[in-house]
N, C-alpha and C. Protein backbone atom coordinates (compact mmCIF):
# COMPACT_ATOMS: atom_id res chain seq x y z
N MET A 1 -77.98 -16.27 92.18
CA MET A 1 -77.87 -15.37 91.11
C MET A 1 -78.80 -14.13 91.32
N THR A 2 -78.26 -12.95 91.70
CA THR A 2 -79.16 -11.72 91.79
C THR A 2 -79.68 -11.18 90.78
N ALA A 3 -78.96 -10.89 89.78
CA ALA A 3 -79.24 -10.29 88.71
C ALA A 3 -80.40 -10.70 87.78
N THR A 4 -81.20 -10.05 87.26
CA THR A 4 -82.32 -10.69 86.48
C THR A 4 -81.66 -11.01 85.23
N LEU A 5 -81.80 -12.70 85.17
CA LEU A 5 -81.46 -13.34 84.25
C LEU A 5 -82.32 -13.17 82.83
N THR A 6 -81.73 -12.65 81.78
CA THR A 6 -82.67 -12.72 80.50
C THR A 6 -81.80 -13.48 79.52
N PRO A 7 -82.42 -13.52 78.13
CA PRO A 7 -82.08 -14.27 77.09
C PRO A 7 -80.68 -13.35 76.67
N GLU A 8 -80.76 -11.91 76.69
CA GLU A 8 -79.48 -11.37 76.11
C GLU A 8 -78.40 -11.54 77.26
N LEU A 9 -78.65 -11.53 78.42
CA LEU A 9 -77.64 -11.78 79.33
C LEU A 9 -77.13 -13.29 79.19
N LEU A 10 -77.86 -14.38 78.76
CA LEU A 10 -77.43 -15.53 78.65
C LEU A 10 -76.41 -15.65 77.40
N LEU A 11 -76.74 -14.92 76.16
CA LEU A 11 -75.87 -14.86 75.20
C LEU A 11 -74.69 -14.31 75.42
N THR A 12 -74.66 -13.11 76.31
CA THR A 12 -73.17 -12.47 76.60
C THR A 12 -72.52 -13.46 77.37
N ALA A 13 -73.15 -14.30 78.20
CA ALA A 13 -72.27 -15.26 78.94
C ALA A 13 -71.73 -16.09 78.39
N TYR A 14 -72.46 -16.83 77.29
CA TYR A 14 -71.96 -17.83 76.53
C TYR A 14 -70.76 -17.26 75.64
N ALA A 15 -70.77 -16.03 75.33
CA ALA A 15 -69.71 -15.19 74.54
C ALA A 15 -68.39 -15.26 75.09
N THR A 16 -68.61 -15.28 76.86
CA THR A 16 -67.51 -15.19 77.55
C THR A 16 -67.14 -16.53 77.99
N GLY A 17 -67.70 -17.59 77.70
CA GLY A 17 -67.31 -18.81 78.24
C GLY A 17 -67.84 -19.73 79.36
N VAL A 18 -69.09 -18.90 79.89
CA VAL A 18 -69.78 -19.67 80.95
C VAL A 18 -71.06 -19.97 80.47
N PHE A 19 -71.86 -20.62 81.23
CA PHE A 19 -73.19 -21.06 81.13
C PHE A 19 -73.75 -21.49 82.38
N PRO A 20 -74.98 -21.47 82.44
CA PRO A 20 -76.07 -21.51 83.71
C PRO A 20 -76.23 -22.97 84.10
N MET A 21 -76.58 -23.06 85.16
CA MET A 21 -77.04 -24.47 85.64
C MET A 21 -77.89 -24.19 86.96
N SER A 22 -78.81 -25.11 87.48
CA SER A 22 -79.32 -25.06 88.66
C SER A 22 -79.02 -26.33 89.43
N GLU A 23 -79.06 -26.31 90.70
CA GLU A 23 -78.95 -27.51 91.33
C GLU A 23 -79.57 -28.69 91.25
N SER A 24 -81.08 -28.40 90.95
CA SER A 24 -81.89 -29.17 90.71
C SER A 24 -83.28 -28.58 90.08
N ARG A 25 -84.31 -29.46 89.71
CA ARG A 25 -85.32 -28.99 89.26
C ARG A 25 -86.19 -28.04 90.06
N ASN A 26 -86.12 -28.25 91.14
CA ASN A 26 -86.98 -27.65 92.15
C ASN A 26 -86.27 -26.33 93.03
N ASP A 27 -84.81 -26.27 92.68
CA ASP A 27 -84.12 -25.09 93.17
C ASP A 27 -84.03 -23.89 92.42
N PRO A 28 -84.75 -22.84 92.92
CA PRO A 28 -84.83 -21.70 92.01
C PRO A 28 -83.43 -21.06 91.75
N GLU A 29 -82.42 -21.26 92.42
CA GLU A 29 -81.29 -20.56 92.18
C GLU A 29 -80.43 -21.02 90.86
N ILE A 30 -79.84 -20.13 90.29
CA ILE A 30 -79.04 -20.52 89.23
C ILE A 30 -77.80 -19.98 89.34
N PHE A 31 -76.67 -20.82 88.91
CA PHE A 31 -75.28 -20.34 89.17
C PHE A 31 -74.54 -20.65 87.72
N TRP A 32 -73.38 -19.81 87.79
CA TRP A 32 -72.62 -19.78 86.24
C TRP A 32 -71.45 -21.02 86.60
N VAL A 33 -71.10 -21.42 85.26
CA VAL A 33 -70.22 -22.81 85.51
C VAL A 33 -69.33 -22.34 84.57
N ASP A 34 -67.82 -22.36 84.83
CA ASP A 34 -66.77 -22.09 83.85
C ASP A 34 -65.88 -23.16 84.17
N PRO A 35 -65.60 -24.42 83.52
CA PRO A 35 -65.05 -25.33 83.70
C PRO A 35 -63.68 -25.48 83.49
N LYS A 36 -62.64 -25.78 84.25
CA LYS A 36 -61.32 -25.79 83.97
C LYS A 36 -60.94 -26.39 82.81
N ARG A 37 -61.55 -27.58 82.34
CA ARG A 37 -61.53 -28.61 81.34
C ARG A 37 -62.85 -28.54 80.73
N ARG A 38 -62.78 -28.15 79.45
CA ARG A 38 -64.12 -28.32 78.51
C ARG A 38 -64.18 -29.48 77.65
N GLY A 39 -65.37 -29.91 77.41
CA GLY A 39 -65.57 -30.99 76.30
C GLY A 39 -66.04 -30.35 74.87
N VAL A 40 -65.50 -30.94 74.16
CA VAL A 40 -65.77 -30.35 72.86
C VAL A 40 -65.91 -31.30 71.81
N ILE A 41 -66.75 -31.54 70.75
CA ILE A 41 -66.72 -32.35 69.62
C ILE A 41 -66.13 -31.96 68.58
N PRO A 42 -65.11 -32.37 67.92
CA PRO A 42 -64.50 -31.82 66.69
C PRO A 42 -65.23 -31.93 65.63
N LEU A 43 -65.77 -31.29 64.80
CA LEU A 43 -66.82 -31.51 64.09
C LEU A 43 -66.45 -32.43 62.63
N ASP A 44 -65.03 -32.67 62.73
CA ASP A 44 -64.67 -33.61 61.59
C ASP A 44 -64.23 -35.07 62.33
N GLY A 45 -64.54 -34.91 63.68
CA GLY A 45 -64.10 -36.17 64.41
C GLY A 45 -65.30 -36.74 65.07
N PHE A 46 -66.40 -36.91 64.77
CA PHE A 46 -67.54 -37.37 65.27
C PHE A 46 -67.59 -38.93 64.83
N HIS A 47 -67.67 -39.75 65.74
CA HIS A 47 -67.49 -41.38 65.43
C HIS A 47 -69.02 -41.85 65.33
N ILE A 48 -69.37 -42.41 64.25
CA ILE A 48 -70.49 -43.07 64.03
C ILE A 48 -70.13 -44.97 63.79
N SER A 49 -70.56 -45.45 64.83
CA SER A 49 -70.42 -46.89 64.38
C SER A 49 -71.08 -47.37 63.52
N ARG A 50 -70.61 -48.80 63.07
CA ARG A 50 -71.43 -49.42 61.97
C ARG A 50 -72.78 -49.76 62.42
N SER A 51 -72.97 -50.09 63.78
CA SER A 51 -74.34 -50.51 64.24
C SER A 51 -75.23 -49.11 64.27
N LEU A 52 -74.57 -48.08 64.42
CA LEU A 52 -75.48 -46.74 64.69
C LEU A 52 -75.72 -46.53 63.18
N ARG A 53 -74.78 -46.66 62.32
CA ARG A 53 -75.29 -46.20 60.73
C ARG A 53 -76.36 -47.18 60.35
N ARG A 54 -76.27 -48.41 60.62
CA ARG A 54 -77.30 -49.38 60.06
C ARG A 54 -78.49 -48.97 60.69
N ARG A 55 -78.71 -48.65 61.82
CA ARG A 55 -80.05 -48.04 62.47
C ARG A 55 -80.36 -47.05 61.75
N MET A 56 -79.77 -46.05 61.48
CA MET A 56 -80.00 -44.91 60.79
C MET A 56 -80.42 -45.10 59.32
N ARG A 57 -80.00 -46.27 58.60
CA ARG A 57 -80.42 -46.61 57.44
C ARG A 57 -81.69 -47.38 57.26
N SER A 58 -82.06 -47.79 58.60
CA SER A 58 -83.27 -48.88 58.76
C SER A 58 -84.66 -48.29 58.42
N ALA A 59 -84.68 -46.76 58.47
CA ALA A 59 -85.97 -45.98 58.13
C ALA A 59 -86.59 -46.42 59.26
N GLU A 60 -86.10 -46.65 60.52
CA GLU A 60 -86.73 -46.66 61.68
C GLU A 60 -87.15 -45.39 62.42
N PHE A 61 -86.21 -44.46 62.00
CA PHE A 61 -86.47 -42.94 62.82
C PHE A 61 -86.57 -41.94 61.40
N THR A 62 -87.04 -40.86 62.17
CA THR A 62 -86.91 -39.64 61.29
C THR A 62 -86.41 -38.45 62.24
N ALA A 63 -85.92 -37.51 61.64
CA ALA A 63 -85.35 -36.33 62.10
C ALA A 63 -85.89 -34.97 61.75
N THR A 64 -86.01 -34.40 62.52
CA THR A 64 -86.49 -32.85 62.41
C THR A 64 -85.56 -31.72 63.15
N LEU A 65 -85.66 -30.54 62.41
CA LEU A 65 -84.96 -29.33 63.18
C LEU A 65 -85.90 -28.49 63.64
N ASP A 66 -85.82 -28.18 64.89
CA ASP A 66 -86.68 -26.60 65.47
C ASP A 66 -88.25 -27.05 65.12
N THR A 67 -88.86 -28.17 65.15
CA THR A 67 -90.14 -28.65 65.16
C THR A 67 -90.90 -28.67 66.45
N ASP A 68 -90.19 -28.83 67.34
CA ASP A 68 -90.73 -29.11 69.12
C ASP A 68 -89.83 -28.82 69.74
N PHE A 69 -89.02 -27.63 69.92
CA PHE A 69 -88.08 -27.35 70.80
C PHE A 69 -88.46 -27.55 72.18
N ARG A 70 -89.41 -26.83 72.57
CA ARG A 70 -89.93 -27.04 73.99
C ARG A 70 -90.04 -28.77 74.73
N ALA A 71 -90.53 -29.31 73.68
CA ALA A 71 -90.86 -30.89 74.15
C ALA A 71 -89.39 -31.58 74.20
N VAL A 72 -88.45 -31.15 73.35
CA VAL A 72 -87.09 -31.48 73.59
C VAL A 72 -86.42 -31.16 74.79
N VAL A 73 -86.76 -29.96 75.27
CA VAL A 73 -86.43 -29.49 76.81
C VAL A 73 -86.67 -30.24 77.73
N GLU A 74 -88.08 -30.63 77.69
CA GLU A 74 -88.93 -31.41 78.66
C GLU A 74 -88.39 -32.69 78.73
N GLY A 75 -88.14 -33.29 77.50
CA GLY A 75 -87.55 -34.74 77.43
C GLY A 75 -86.21 -34.61 78.19
N CYS A 76 -85.31 -33.73 78.00
CA CYS A 76 -83.97 -33.69 78.76
C CYS A 76 -84.04 -33.53 80.28
N ALA A 77 -85.28 -32.89 80.54
CA ALA A 77 -85.52 -32.77 81.84
C ALA A 77 -86.17 -33.67 82.74
N ASP A 78 -86.72 -34.65 81.96
CA ASP A 78 -87.48 -35.89 82.56
C ASP A 78 -86.75 -36.89 83.08
N ARG A 79 -85.92 -36.78 84.01
CA ARG A 79 -85.18 -37.84 84.66
C ARG A 79 -85.18 -37.28 85.93
N PRO A 80 -84.62 -38.34 87.03
CA PRO A 80 -84.61 -38.12 88.31
C PRO A 80 -83.94 -37.11 88.83
N GLU A 81 -82.69 -36.72 88.37
CA GLU A 81 -82.01 -35.58 88.81
C GLU A 81 -81.54 -34.62 87.50
N THR A 82 -81.94 -33.21 87.61
CA THR A 82 -81.75 -32.65 86.26
C THR A 82 -81.34 -31.04 86.82
N TRP A 83 -80.58 -30.43 86.14
CA TRP A 83 -80.29 -28.87 86.21
C TRP A 83 -81.20 -27.93 85.75
N ILE A 84 -82.27 -28.52 84.83
CA ILE A 84 -83.22 -27.95 84.40
C ILE A 84 -84.26 -27.25 85.11
N ASN A 85 -84.40 -25.88 85.74
CA ASN A 85 -85.34 -25.80 86.54
C ASN A 85 -86.49 -25.09 85.78
N ALA A 86 -87.37 -24.27 86.23
CA ALA A 86 -88.52 -23.81 85.59
C ALA A 86 -87.96 -22.52 84.99
N GLN A 87 -86.97 -21.69 85.70
CA GLN A 87 -86.58 -20.49 84.84
C GLN A 87 -85.74 -20.68 83.79
N ILE A 88 -84.94 -21.95 83.88
CA ILE A 88 -83.94 -22.08 82.70
C ILE A 88 -84.92 -22.82 81.49
N PHE A 89 -85.83 -23.39 82.02
CA PHE A 89 -86.82 -23.91 80.66
C PHE A 89 -87.18 -23.01 79.87
N ASP A 90 -87.81 -22.06 80.67
CA ASP A 90 -88.44 -20.64 80.16
C ASP A 90 -87.43 -19.73 79.12
N LEU A 91 -86.31 -19.58 79.99
CA LEU A 91 -85.06 -18.61 79.37
C LEU A 91 -84.73 -19.44 77.76
N TYR A 92 -84.46 -20.63 77.74
CA TYR A 92 -84.28 -21.37 76.49
C TYR A 92 -85.38 -21.28 75.48
N GLY A 93 -86.36 -21.60 76.20
CA GLY A 93 -87.76 -21.31 75.02
C GLY A 93 -87.60 -19.90 74.46
N GLN A 94 -87.23 -18.68 75.41
CA GLN A 94 -87.15 -17.38 74.68
C GLN A 94 -85.98 -17.55 73.75
N LEU A 95 -84.98 -17.79 74.04
CA LEU A 95 -83.79 -18.10 73.31
C LEU A 95 -84.14 -18.67 71.63
N HIS A 96 -85.01 -19.83 71.93
CA HIS A 96 -85.53 -20.50 70.52
C HIS A 96 -86.36 -19.53 70.17
N ASP A 97 -87.15 -18.57 70.44
CA ASP A 97 -88.16 -17.83 69.81
C ASP A 97 -87.43 -16.63 69.00
N LEU A 98 -86.21 -16.40 69.53
CA LEU A 98 -85.37 -15.38 69.27
C LEU A 98 -84.38 -15.95 67.95
N GLY A 99 -84.57 -17.48 67.82
CA GLY A 99 -83.64 -17.83 66.82
C GLY A 99 -82.32 -18.43 67.36
N ALA A 100 -82.00 -18.23 68.67
CA ALA A 100 -80.65 -18.41 69.29
C ALA A 100 -80.38 -19.91 69.66
N ALA A 101 -81.44 -20.47 69.76
CA ALA A 101 -81.36 -21.90 70.41
C ALA A 101 -82.08 -22.93 69.41
N HIS A 102 -81.62 -24.17 69.31
CA HIS A 102 -82.03 -25.16 68.52
C HIS A 102 -82.45 -26.37 69.04
N SER A 103 -83.06 -27.05 68.26
CA SER A 103 -83.42 -28.76 68.55
C SER A 103 -83.37 -29.46 67.40
N ILE A 104 -82.98 -30.78 67.80
CA ILE A 104 -83.06 -31.54 66.84
C ILE A 104 -84.04 -33.01 67.43
N GLU A 105 -85.13 -33.08 66.61
CA GLU A 105 -86.18 -34.21 67.36
C GLU A 105 -86.16 -35.34 66.27
N ILE A 106 -86.05 -36.48 67.21
CA ILE A 106 -85.90 -37.92 66.60
C ILE A 106 -87.23 -38.48 66.99
N ARG A 107 -87.99 -39.02 65.91
CA ARG A 107 -89.24 -39.81 66.03
C ARG A 107 -89.13 -41.02 65.24
N ASP A 108 -90.00 -41.84 66.10
CA ASP A 108 -89.89 -43.32 65.63
C ASP A 108 -91.04 -43.25 64.38
N ARG A 109 -91.13 -44.72 63.94
CA ARG A 109 -92.35 -44.68 62.71
C ARG A 109 -93.52 -44.48 63.17
N SER A 110 -94.04 -44.45 64.40
CA SER A 110 -95.05 -43.70 64.73
C SER A 110 -95.54 -42.51 65.14
N GLY A 111 -94.46 -41.64 64.95
CA GLY A 111 -94.25 -40.28 65.12
C GLY A 111 -94.10 -39.69 66.63
N GLU A 112 -93.88 -40.78 67.39
CA GLU A 112 -93.57 -40.64 68.64
C GLU A 112 -92.18 -39.79 68.80
N LEU A 113 -92.12 -38.96 69.68
CA LEU A 113 -90.78 -38.32 70.14
C LEU A 113 -89.99 -39.20 70.94
N VAL A 114 -88.84 -39.54 70.46
CA VAL A 114 -88.08 -40.74 71.09
C VAL A 114 -86.67 -40.32 71.65
N GLY A 115 -86.10 -39.33 71.05
CA GLY A 115 -84.84 -38.44 71.33
C GLY A 115 -84.72 -37.38 70.82
N GLY A 116 -83.93 -36.52 71.17
CA GLY A 116 -83.45 -35.25 70.76
C GLY A 116 -82.32 -34.40 71.44
N VAL A 117 -81.81 -33.53 71.10
CA VAL A 117 -80.87 -32.73 71.59
C VAL A 117 -81.04 -31.27 71.35
N TYR A 118 -80.51 -30.62 72.10
CA TYR A 118 -80.72 -28.76 72.14
C TYR A 118 -79.72 -28.23 72.47
N GLY A 119 -79.38 -26.87 71.82
CA GLY A 119 -78.48 -26.16 72.27
C GLY A 119 -78.53 -24.55 71.72
N VAL A 120 -77.40 -23.74 72.00
CA VAL A 120 -77.41 -22.41 71.68
C VAL A 120 -76.44 -22.10 70.82
N ALA A 121 -76.74 -21.42 69.59
CA ALA A 121 -75.69 -20.96 68.64
C ALA A 121 -75.51 -19.59 68.61
N LEU A 122 -74.18 -19.29 68.54
CA LEU A 122 -73.64 -18.00 68.63
C LEU A 122 -72.56 -17.67 67.67
N GLY A 123 -72.94 -16.85 66.51
CA GLY A 123 -71.66 -16.85 65.42
C GLY A 123 -71.64 -18.34 64.93
N ALA A 124 -70.51 -18.76 64.83
CA ALA A 124 -70.05 -20.12 64.34
C ALA A 124 -69.89 -21.25 65.54
N ALA A 125 -70.40 -20.83 66.74
CA ALA A 125 -70.37 -21.76 67.96
C ALA A 125 -71.63 -22.28 68.35
N PHE A 126 -71.52 -23.69 68.60
CA PHE A 126 -72.72 -24.02 68.93
C PHE A 126 -72.47 -24.79 70.32
N PHE A 127 -73.30 -24.51 71.44
CA PHE A 127 -73.22 -24.92 72.76
C PHE A 127 -74.20 -25.95 72.99
N GLY A 128 -73.90 -27.40 73.10
CA GLY A 128 -74.88 -28.15 73.34
C GLY A 128 -75.27 -28.25 74.84
N GLU A 129 -76.62 -28.36 74.99
CA GLU A 129 -77.08 -28.10 76.50
C GLU A 129 -77.21 -29.71 77.08
N SER A 130 -78.10 -30.39 76.36
CA SER A 130 -78.38 -31.71 76.91
C SER A 130 -79.20 -32.34 75.76
N MET A 131 -79.32 -33.70 75.96
CA MET A 131 -79.89 -34.55 75.01
C MET A 131 -80.49 -35.44 75.97
N PHE A 132 -81.53 -36.43 75.21
CA PHE A 132 -82.20 -37.39 75.80
C PHE A 132 -82.60 -38.39 75.17
N SER A 133 -83.12 -39.61 75.50
CA SER A 133 -83.27 -40.91 74.68
C SER A 133 -84.42 -41.71 75.36
N ARG A 134 -85.48 -42.09 74.59
CA ARG A 134 -86.55 -42.91 75.17
C ARG A 134 -86.39 -44.55 74.46
N THR A 135 -85.33 -44.41 73.62
CA THR A 135 -85.24 -45.70 73.08
C THR A 135 -83.85 -45.86 72.57
N THR A 136 -83.27 -47.18 72.41
CA THR A 136 -81.71 -47.42 72.30
C THR A 136 -81.60 -46.36 71.05
N ASP A 137 -80.43 -45.88 71.13
CA ASP A 137 -79.37 -45.04 70.13
C ASP A 137 -80.23 -43.74 69.67
N ALA A 138 -81.21 -43.41 70.26
CA ALA A 138 -82.24 -42.21 69.64
C ALA A 138 -81.38 -41.03 69.91
N SER A 139 -80.55 -40.59 71.27
CA SER A 139 -80.01 -39.50 71.48
C SER A 139 -78.70 -39.55 70.49
N LYS A 140 -78.01 -40.62 70.36
CA LYS A 140 -76.88 -40.75 69.47
C LYS A 140 -77.27 -40.25 67.96
N ILE A 141 -78.28 -40.76 67.37
CA ILE A 141 -78.94 -40.41 66.15
C ILE A 141 -79.22 -38.71 66.02
N ALA A 142 -79.57 -38.44 67.28
CA ALA A 142 -79.79 -36.89 67.19
C ALA A 142 -78.45 -36.29 67.41
N LEU A 143 -77.66 -36.60 67.98
CA LEU A 143 -76.25 -35.96 67.99
C LEU A 143 -75.59 -35.88 66.63
N ALA A 144 -75.62 -37.19 66.03
CA ALA A 144 -75.12 -37.41 64.78
C ALA A 144 -75.61 -36.52 63.70
N THR A 145 -77.03 -36.30 63.80
CA THR A 145 -77.70 -35.41 63.12
C THR A 145 -77.11 -33.72 63.25
N LEU A 146 -77.13 -33.73 64.40
CA LEU A 146 -76.86 -32.22 64.63
C LEU A 146 -75.40 -31.98 64.34
N VAL A 147 -74.30 -32.71 64.40
CA VAL A 147 -72.93 -32.41 63.65
C VAL A 147 -73.06 -32.50 62.46
N HIS A 148 -73.82 -33.20 61.63
CA HIS A 148 -74.07 -33.13 60.27
C HIS A 148 -74.59 -31.73 59.86
N LEU A 149 -75.46 -31.31 60.43
CA LEU A 149 -76.04 -29.94 60.41
C LEU A 149 -74.95 -28.92 60.57
N LEU A 150 -74.47 -29.10 61.76
CA LEU A 150 -73.47 -27.90 61.95
C LEU A 150 -72.29 -27.72 60.99
N ARG A 151 -71.84 -29.08 60.40
CA ARG A 151 -70.74 -28.93 59.52
C ARG A 151 -71.36 -28.22 58.33
N GLY A 152 -72.50 -28.61 57.83
CA GLY A 152 -72.95 -28.13 56.62
C GLY A 152 -73.32 -26.58 56.65
N ALA A 153 -73.48 -26.25 57.86
CA ALA A 153 -73.90 -24.68 58.17
C ALA A 153 -72.78 -23.84 58.22
N GLY A 154 -71.51 -24.55 58.49
CA GLY A 154 -70.18 -23.83 58.82
C GLY A 154 -69.92 -23.28 59.97
N PHE A 155 -70.38 -23.99 60.82
CA PHE A 155 -69.98 -23.88 62.51
C PHE A 155 -68.72 -24.56 62.58
N ARG A 156 -68.09 -23.84 63.29
CA ARG A 156 -66.44 -24.17 64.00
C ARG A 156 -66.30 -24.73 65.14
N LEU A 157 -67.23 -24.76 66.11
CA LEU A 157 -66.93 -24.91 67.44
C LEU A 157 -68.17 -25.70 67.87
N PHE A 158 -68.04 -27.09 68.47
CA PHE A 158 -69.09 -27.75 69.13
C PHE A 158 -68.85 -27.88 70.63
N ASP A 159 -69.27 -27.12 71.52
CA ASP A 159 -69.15 -27.28 72.80
C ASP A 159 -70.00 -28.42 73.68
N THR A 160 -69.63 -29.24 74.12
CA THR A 160 -70.22 -29.91 75.18
C THR A 160 -70.46 -29.85 76.56
N GLN A 161 -69.63 -28.72 76.81
CA GLN A 161 -69.46 -28.51 78.49
C GLN A 161 -68.54 -29.16 79.07
N PHE A 162 -69.01 -30.55 79.27
CA PHE A 162 -68.10 -31.60 79.88
C PHE A 162 -67.60 -32.65 78.99
N LEU A 163 -66.65 -33.66 79.37
CA LEU A 163 -66.39 -34.72 78.73
C LEU A 163 -67.26 -35.91 79.36
N THR A 164 -67.95 -36.64 78.99
CA THR A 164 -68.49 -38.12 79.46
C THR A 164 -67.90 -39.19 78.85
N PRO A 165 -68.08 -40.18 79.48
CA PRO A 165 -67.39 -41.51 78.68
C PRO A 165 -68.35 -41.88 77.50
N HIS A 166 -69.73 -41.54 77.59
CA HIS A 166 -70.63 -41.44 76.36
C HIS A 166 -70.28 -40.63 75.27
N LEU A 167 -70.05 -39.26 75.59
CA LEU A 167 -69.51 -38.29 74.62
C LEU A 167 -68.02 -38.89 73.89
N ALA A 168 -67.25 -39.23 74.80
CA ALA A 168 -65.79 -39.64 74.39
C ALA A 168 -66.05 -40.75 73.27
N SER A 169 -66.92 -41.80 73.69
CA SER A 169 -67.11 -42.70 72.59
C SER A 169 -67.51 -42.38 71.43
N LEU A 170 -67.91 -41.18 71.13
CA LEU A 170 -68.51 -40.56 69.73
C LEU A 170 -67.44 -39.76 69.27
N GLY A 171 -66.39 -39.46 70.18
CA GLY A 171 -65.20 -38.54 69.46
C GLY A 171 -65.17 -37.38 70.12
N ALA A 172 -65.60 -37.00 71.26
CA ALA A 172 -65.50 -35.75 72.00
C ALA A 172 -64.25 -35.89 72.65
N VAL A 173 -63.56 -34.63 72.84
CA VAL A 173 -62.37 -34.44 73.75
C VAL A 173 -62.73 -33.31 74.59
N GLU A 174 -61.23 -33.48 75.48
CA GLU A 174 -61.35 -32.43 76.64
C GLU A 174 -59.92 -31.41 76.23
N VAL A 175 -60.32 -30.21 76.40
CA VAL A 175 -59.42 -29.26 76.07
C VAL A 175 -59.27 -28.09 77.49
N SER A 176 -58.17 -27.37 77.49
CA SER A 176 -57.91 -26.47 78.64
C SER A 176 -58.86 -25.38 78.45
N ARG A 177 -59.12 -24.62 79.63
CA ARG A 177 -60.01 -23.43 79.64
C ARG A 177 -59.34 -22.48 78.43
N ALA A 178 -58.11 -22.34 78.51
CA ALA A 178 -57.39 -21.39 77.32
C ALA A 178 -57.82 -21.74 76.22
N SER A 179 -57.49 -22.99 75.91
CA SER A 179 -57.56 -23.42 74.49
C SER A 179 -58.95 -23.28 74.17
N TYR A 180 -59.84 -23.40 74.96
CA TYR A 180 -61.26 -23.35 74.69
C TYR A 180 -61.78 -21.91 74.45
N ARG A 181 -61.22 -21.02 75.23
CA ARG A 181 -61.57 -19.63 75.17
C ARG A 181 -60.96 -18.94 73.81
N ALA A 182 -59.79 -19.47 73.22
CA ALA A 182 -59.47 -19.02 71.98
C ALA A 182 -60.00 -19.58 70.83
N ALA A 183 -60.64 -20.76 71.07
CA ALA A 183 -61.29 -21.22 69.91
C ALA A 183 -62.80 -20.60 70.03
N LEU A 184 -63.18 -20.26 70.94
CA LEU A 184 -64.71 -19.64 71.30
C LEU A 184 -64.53 -18.22 70.55
N ALA A 185 -63.69 -17.34 70.95
CA ALA A 185 -63.38 -16.25 70.40
C ALA A 185 -63.15 -16.24 68.83
N GLU A 186 -62.58 -17.02 68.34
CA GLU A 186 -62.37 -17.33 66.70
C GLU A 186 -63.92 -17.68 66.14
N ALA A 187 -64.49 -18.57 66.77
CA ALA A 187 -65.79 -19.03 66.34
C ALA A 187 -67.05 -17.95 66.19
N ILE A 188 -67.01 -17.43 67.42
CA ILE A 188 -68.39 -16.19 67.51
C ILE A 188 -67.99 -15.10 66.66
N ARG A 189 -66.93 -14.88 66.24
CA ARG A 189 -66.58 -13.92 65.23
C ARG A 189 -66.89 -14.22 63.75
N ALA A 190 -67.24 -15.51 63.63
CA ALA A 190 -67.41 -16.10 62.34
C ALA A 190 -68.90 -16.23 61.81
N GLU A 191 -69.41 -16.63 61.12
CA GLU A 191 -70.67 -16.62 60.61
C GLU A 191 -71.28 -17.92 60.23
N ALA A 192 -72.48 -18.38 60.99
CA ALA A 192 -73.10 -19.70 60.43
C ALA A 192 -74.23 -19.43 60.41
N GLU A 193 -75.17 -20.38 59.66
CA GLU A 193 -76.61 -20.27 59.81
C GLU A 193 -77.38 -21.45 59.67
N PHE A 194 -78.26 -21.83 60.47
CA PHE A 194 -79.21 -23.20 60.63
C PHE A 194 -80.12 -23.30 59.01
N PRO A 195 -80.39 -24.20 58.50
CA PRO A 195 -81.14 -24.16 57.49
C PRO A 195 -82.70 -24.06 58.25
N PRO A 196 -83.74 -23.85 57.37
CA PRO A 196 -84.90 -23.69 58.02
C PRO A 196 -85.52 -24.91 58.86
N SER A 197 -86.59 -24.69 59.47
CA SER A 197 -86.92 -25.65 60.47
C SER A 197 -87.78 -26.69 59.59
N GLY A 198 -87.95 -27.94 59.91
CA GLY A 198 -88.40 -29.13 59.34
C GLY A 198 -87.90 -30.20 59.11
N PRO A 199 -88.28 -31.07 58.34
CA PRO A 199 -87.52 -32.40 58.09
C PRO A 199 -86.13 -32.33 57.78
N THR A 200 -85.48 -33.11 58.44
CA THR A 200 -83.89 -33.07 57.95
C THR A 200 -83.12 -34.44 57.80
N ALA A 201 -82.47 -34.60 56.68
CA ALA A 201 -82.05 -36.25 56.57
C ALA A 201 -81.02 -36.36 57.82
N LEU A 202 -80.88 -38.01 57.91
CA LEU A 202 -80.20 -38.64 58.88
C LEU A 202 -78.65 -38.70 58.07
N PRO A 203 -77.58 -38.64 58.53
CA PRO A 203 -76.42 -38.75 58.05
C PRO A 203 -75.87 -40.06 57.77
N VAL A 204 -76.63 -40.70 56.77
CA VAL A 204 -76.24 -42.13 56.54
C VAL A 204 -75.31 -42.20 55.56
């Protein structure tokens, strides 16, 4: 990618249906991705299993919104293979500072960050970027909390980029590029707003 990548250019790209990735942590190059088939989570179709609901009711975990965005991105990049290089890390931090990127943090009883998810908001569309888990179910709880917040804030589209077996088990589906673009165009014309940062309730 030869053009200077800025937060503003990133938002323009999301509005047209593409998103950036890098081949690896140490690869300085960034390229645009425009999948033929797109993963989305219908906001009224997220599946919370009985076992997951029991864990959320157990008071084992607490959730916060936008209290440690960069630590969540670091957690997502903390794996053998990652598309999050230094430039991507910096750019999404800038988007967060501008109020356009958000994170859910999941902590255990000791206060340790054990899971999270982050992404970008534009109009009433939310683009999930990545999630991580350092203990069983932490990323699922982060995702369930995010879906709950998106519904309450009036979002219309939750883009997961790709459909994985893990996301499919939670209710994600795959749609064509044309269907995705139509839903995206409608969503970015609408308005939605996240609540203030801080503690947020688990959807139990």
